[in-house]
């Protein structure tokens, strides 16, 4: 899979990657920054995978489903 788009939430706590396979199918992966609330953690975000979507036939379909599923993406 190749990452073709990354979106980070306005608060910096969530990330969405859209990927495409060599066969032309798309998916998204969501990430959380689980260390953001730790006052001693001063480094850049350390992303932890939250969830994988299913496979989609177009980038438009994966973006539409991600927008419907993720409240922070609609903000």
N, C-alpha and C. Protein backbone atom coordinates (compact mmCIF):
# COMPACT_ATOMS: atom_id res chain seq x y z
N UNK A 1 0.85 -1.18 0.00
CA UNK A 1 0.00 0.00 0.00
C UNK A 1 0.89 1.24 0.00
N UNK A 2 0.43 2.25 -0.70
CA UNK A 2 1.13 3.53 -0.77
C UNK A 2 0.22 4.62 -0.20
N UNK A 3 0.75 5.40 0.74
CA UNK A 3 -0.02 6.50 1.31
C UNK A 3 -0.10 7.64 0.30
N UNK A 4 -1.33 8.06 -0.02
CA UNK A 4 -1.51 9.14 -1.00
C UNK A 4 -2.05 10.42 -0.37
N UNK A 5 -2.53 10.34 0.88
CA UNK A 5 -3.06 11.54 1.53
C UNK A 5 -3.02 11.34 3.04
N UNK A 6 -2.66 12.41 3.77
CA UNK A 6 -2.68 12.40 5.23
C UNK A 6 -3.46 13.62 5.70
N UNK A 7 -4.32 13.41 6.70
CA UNK A 7 -5.10 14.51 7.28
C UNK A 7 -4.93 14.41 8.79
N UNK A 8 -4.58 15.53 9.43
CA UNK A 8 -4.45 15.59 10.88
C UNK A 8 -5.57 16.47 11.42
N UNK A 9 -6.19 16.03 12.51
CA UNK A 9 -7.30 16.79 13.10
C UNK A 9 -6.81 18.15 13.59
N UNK A 10 -7.76 19.07 13.73
CA UNK A 10 -7.43 20.43 14.17
C UNK A 10 -6.74 20.45 15.53
N UNK A 11 -7.12 19.53 16.42
CA UNK A 11 -6.50 19.49 17.75
C UNK A 11 -5.20 18.70 17.76
N UNK A 12 -4.84 18.08 16.64
CA UNK A 12 -3.58 17.35 16.53
C UNK A 12 -3.57 16.00 17.20
N UNK A 13 -4.73 15.49 17.61
CA UNK A 13 -4.80 14.22 18.33
C UNK A 13 -5.17 13.03 17.45
N UNK A 14 -5.59 13.28 16.22
CA UNK A 14 -6.02 12.20 15.33
C UNK A 14 -5.41 12.40 13.94
N UNK A 15 -5.20 11.30 13.26
CA UNK A 15 -4.67 11.36 11.89
C UNK A 15 -5.38 10.31 11.05
N UNK A 16 -5.57 10.64 9.79
CA UNK A 16 -6.17 9.72 8.82
C UNK A 16 -5.19 9.63 7.65
N UNK A 17 -4.85 8.41 7.25
CA UNK A 17 -4.06 8.18 6.05
C UNK A 17 -4.94 7.47 5.04
N UNK A 18 -4.89 7.90 3.79
CA UNK A 18 -5.56 7.20 2.70
C UNK A 18 -4.47 6.52 1.89
N UNK A 19 -4.68 5.23 1.63
CA UNK A 19 -3.69 4.44 0.90
C UNK A 19 -4.32 3.81 -0.33
N UNK A 20 -3.46 3.51 -1.30
CA UNK A 20 -3.90 2.81 -2.50
C UNK A 20 -2.99 1.59 -2.68
N UNK A 21 -3.59 0.48 -3.09
CA UNK A 21 -2.83 -0.75 -3.32
C UNK A 21 -2.34 -0.78 -4.77
N UNK A 22 -1.44 -1.70 -5.05
CA UNK A 22 -0.96 -1.85 -6.42
C UNK A 22 -2.08 -2.30 -7.35
N UNK A 23 -3.14 -2.88 -6.80
CA UNK A 23 -4.29 -3.31 -7.59
C UNK A 23 -5.34 -2.22 -7.78
N UNK A 24 -5.10 -1.02 -7.22
CA UNK A 24 -6.02 0.09 -7.42
C UNK A 24 -7.14 0.19 -6.40
N UNK A 25 -7.05 -0.54 -5.29
CA UNK A 25 -8.05 -0.43 -4.23
C UNK A 25 -7.56 0.52 -3.15
N UNK A 26 -8.50 1.18 -2.48
CA UNK A 26 -8.18 2.21 -1.49
C UNK A 26 -8.66 1.79 -0.12
N UNK A 27 -8.01 2.33 0.91
CA UNK A 27 -8.46 2.15 2.28
C UNK A 27 -7.97 3.35 3.09
N UNK A 28 -8.55 3.50 4.29
CA UNK A 28 -8.02 4.50 5.20
C UNK A 28 -7.63 3.84 6.51
N UNK A 29 -6.68 4.47 7.18
CA UNK A 29 -6.22 4.04 8.49
C UNK A 29 -6.32 5.24 9.41
N UNK A 30 -6.86 5.04 10.60
CA UNK A 30 -6.91 6.13 11.58
C UNK A 30 -5.87 5.88 12.66
N UNK A 31 -5.33 6.98 13.17
CA UNK A 31 -4.30 6.95 14.20
C UNK A 31 -4.70 7.90 15.32
N UNK A 32 -4.23 7.60 16.53
CA UNK A 32 -4.39 8.50 17.67
C UNK A 32 -3.01 8.83 18.21
N UNK A 33 -2.85 10.04 18.75
CA UNK A 33 -1.64 10.41 19.46
C UNK A 33 -1.91 10.16 20.93
N UNK A 34 -1.55 9.03 21.42
CA UNK A 34 -1.92 8.60 22.77
C UNK A 34 -1.09 9.27 23.86
N UNK A 35 -0.01 9.97 23.49
CA UNK A 35 0.84 10.59 24.49
C UNK A 35 0.62 12.10 24.61
N UNK A 36 -0.28 12.65 23.82
CA UNK A 36 -0.50 14.10 23.80
C UNK A 36 -0.91 14.65 25.16
N UNK A 37 -1.63 13.88 25.96
CA UNK A 37 -2.11 14.37 27.26
C UNK A 37 -1.08 14.23 28.38
N UNK A 38 0.08 13.67 28.09
CA UNK A 38 1.14 13.52 29.09
C UNK A 38 1.97 14.80 29.14
N UNK A 39 1.94 15.55 30.26
CA UNK A 39 2.66 16.83 30.31
C UNK A 39 4.18 16.68 30.19
N UNK A 40 4.71 15.48 30.47
CA UNK A 40 6.15 15.26 30.36
C UNK A 40 6.59 14.89 28.95
N UNK A 41 5.64 14.64 28.08
CA UNK A 41 5.96 14.21 26.72
C UNK A 41 6.04 15.44 25.81
N UNK A 42 7.24 15.82 25.43
CA UNK A 42 7.45 17.05 24.67
C UNK A 42 7.82 16.79 23.21
N UNK A 43 7.93 15.56 22.80
CA UNK A 43 8.33 15.24 21.43
C UNK A 43 7.17 15.35 20.46
N UNK A 44 7.44 15.28 19.16
CA UNK A 44 6.35 15.27 18.17
C UNK A 44 5.41 14.09 18.42
N UNK A 45 4.24 14.11 17.82
CA UNK A 45 3.26 13.02 18.03
C UNK A 45 3.85 11.65 17.72
N UNK A 46 3.47 10.69 18.52
CA UNK A 46 3.82 9.29 18.27
C UNK A 46 2.51 8.59 17.96
N UNK A 47 2.25 8.36 16.68
CA UNK A 47 0.95 7.87 16.23
C UNK A 47 0.79 6.39 16.49
N UNK A 48 -0.37 6.02 17.02
CA UNK A 48 -0.74 4.64 17.27
C UNK A 48 -1.95 4.31 16.40
N UNK A 49 -1.88 3.21 15.67
CA UNK A 49 -3.00 2.81 14.80
C UNK A 49 -4.24 2.57 15.64
N UNK A 50 -5.34 3.17 15.18
CA UNK A 50 -6.63 3.01 15.84
C UNK A 50 -7.51 2.01 15.10
N UNK A 51 -7.64 2.18 13.77
CA UNK A 51 -8.52 1.30 12.99
C UNK A 51 -8.15 1.32 11.51
N UNK A 52 -8.53 0.23 10.84
CA UNK A 52 -8.41 0.12 9.38
C UNK A 52 -9.81 0.07 8.79
N UNK A 53 -9.98 0.70 7.64
CA UNK A 53 -11.27 0.59 6.94
C UNK A 53 -11.27 -0.67 6.08
N UNK A 54 -12.40 -0.85 5.40
CA UNK A 54 -12.45 -1.89 4.37
C UNK A 54 -11.79 -1.35 3.11
N UNK A 55 -11.99 -2.05 2.01
CA UNK A 55 -11.41 -1.63 0.72
C UNK A 55 -12.47 -0.96 -0.14
N UNK A 56 -12.04 0.02 -0.91
CA UNK A 56 -12.93 0.82 -1.76
C UNK A 56 -12.37 0.87 -3.17
N UNK A 57 -13.26 1.08 -4.11
CA UNK A 57 -12.84 1.11 -5.52
C UNK A 57 -12.39 2.49 -5.99
N UNK A 58 -12.66 3.54 -5.19
CA UNK A 58 -12.24 4.88 -5.61
C UNK A 58 -11.82 5.70 -4.40
N UNK A 59 -10.99 6.70 -4.64
CA UNK A 59 -10.57 7.59 -3.57
C UNK A 59 -11.76 8.41 -3.07
N UNK A 60 -12.70 8.73 -3.96
CA UNK A 60 -13.90 9.47 -3.55
C UNK A 60 -14.74 8.65 -2.56
N UNK A 61 -14.85 7.36 -2.80
CA UNK A 61 -15.63 6.49 -1.91
C UNK A 61 -14.98 6.37 -0.54
N UNK A 62 -13.67 6.22 -0.51
CA UNK A 62 -12.99 6.10 0.79
C UNK A 62 -13.07 7.42 1.56
N UNK A 63 -12.95 8.55 0.88
CA UNK A 63 -13.06 9.85 1.55
C UNK A 63 -14.48 10.08 2.09
N UNK A 64 -15.49 9.70 1.31
CA UNK A 64 -16.87 9.87 1.75
C UNK A 64 -17.16 9.01 2.98
N UNK A 65 -16.69 7.77 3.00
CA UNK A 65 -16.94 6.90 4.14
C UNK A 65 -16.18 7.39 5.37
N UNK A 66 -14.96 7.82 5.19
CA UNK A 66 -14.18 8.35 6.32
C UNK A 66 -14.86 9.58 6.91
N UNK A 67 -15.35 10.47 6.08
CA UNK A 67 -16.03 11.68 6.54
C UNK A 67 -17.29 11.32 7.31
N UNK A 68 -18.02 10.32 6.83
CA UNK A 68 -19.24 9.89 7.52
C UNK A 68 -18.92 9.22 8.86
N UNK A 69 -17.81 8.52 8.94
CA UNK A 69 -17.48 7.72 10.13
C UNK A 69 -16.76 8.52 11.22
N UNK A 70 -16.06 9.58 10.86
CA UNK A 70 -15.19 10.26 11.82
C UNK A 70 -15.67 11.69 12.09
N UNK A 71 -16.17 11.90 13.29
CA UNK A 71 -16.69 13.23 13.66
C UNK A 71 -15.62 14.30 13.55
N UNK A 72 -14.39 13.99 13.95
CA UNK A 72 -13.33 15.01 13.92
C UNK A 72 -13.00 15.45 12.49
N UNK A 73 -13.26 14.60 11.52
CA UNK A 73 -13.00 14.94 10.12
C UNK A 73 -14.04 15.92 9.59
N UNK A 74 -15.21 15.94 10.20
CA UNK A 74 -16.28 16.85 9.77
C UNK A 74 -16.18 18.23 10.44
N UNK A 75 -15.27 18.41 11.39
CA UNK A 75 -15.15 19.70 12.10
C UNK A 75 -14.61 20.78 11.20
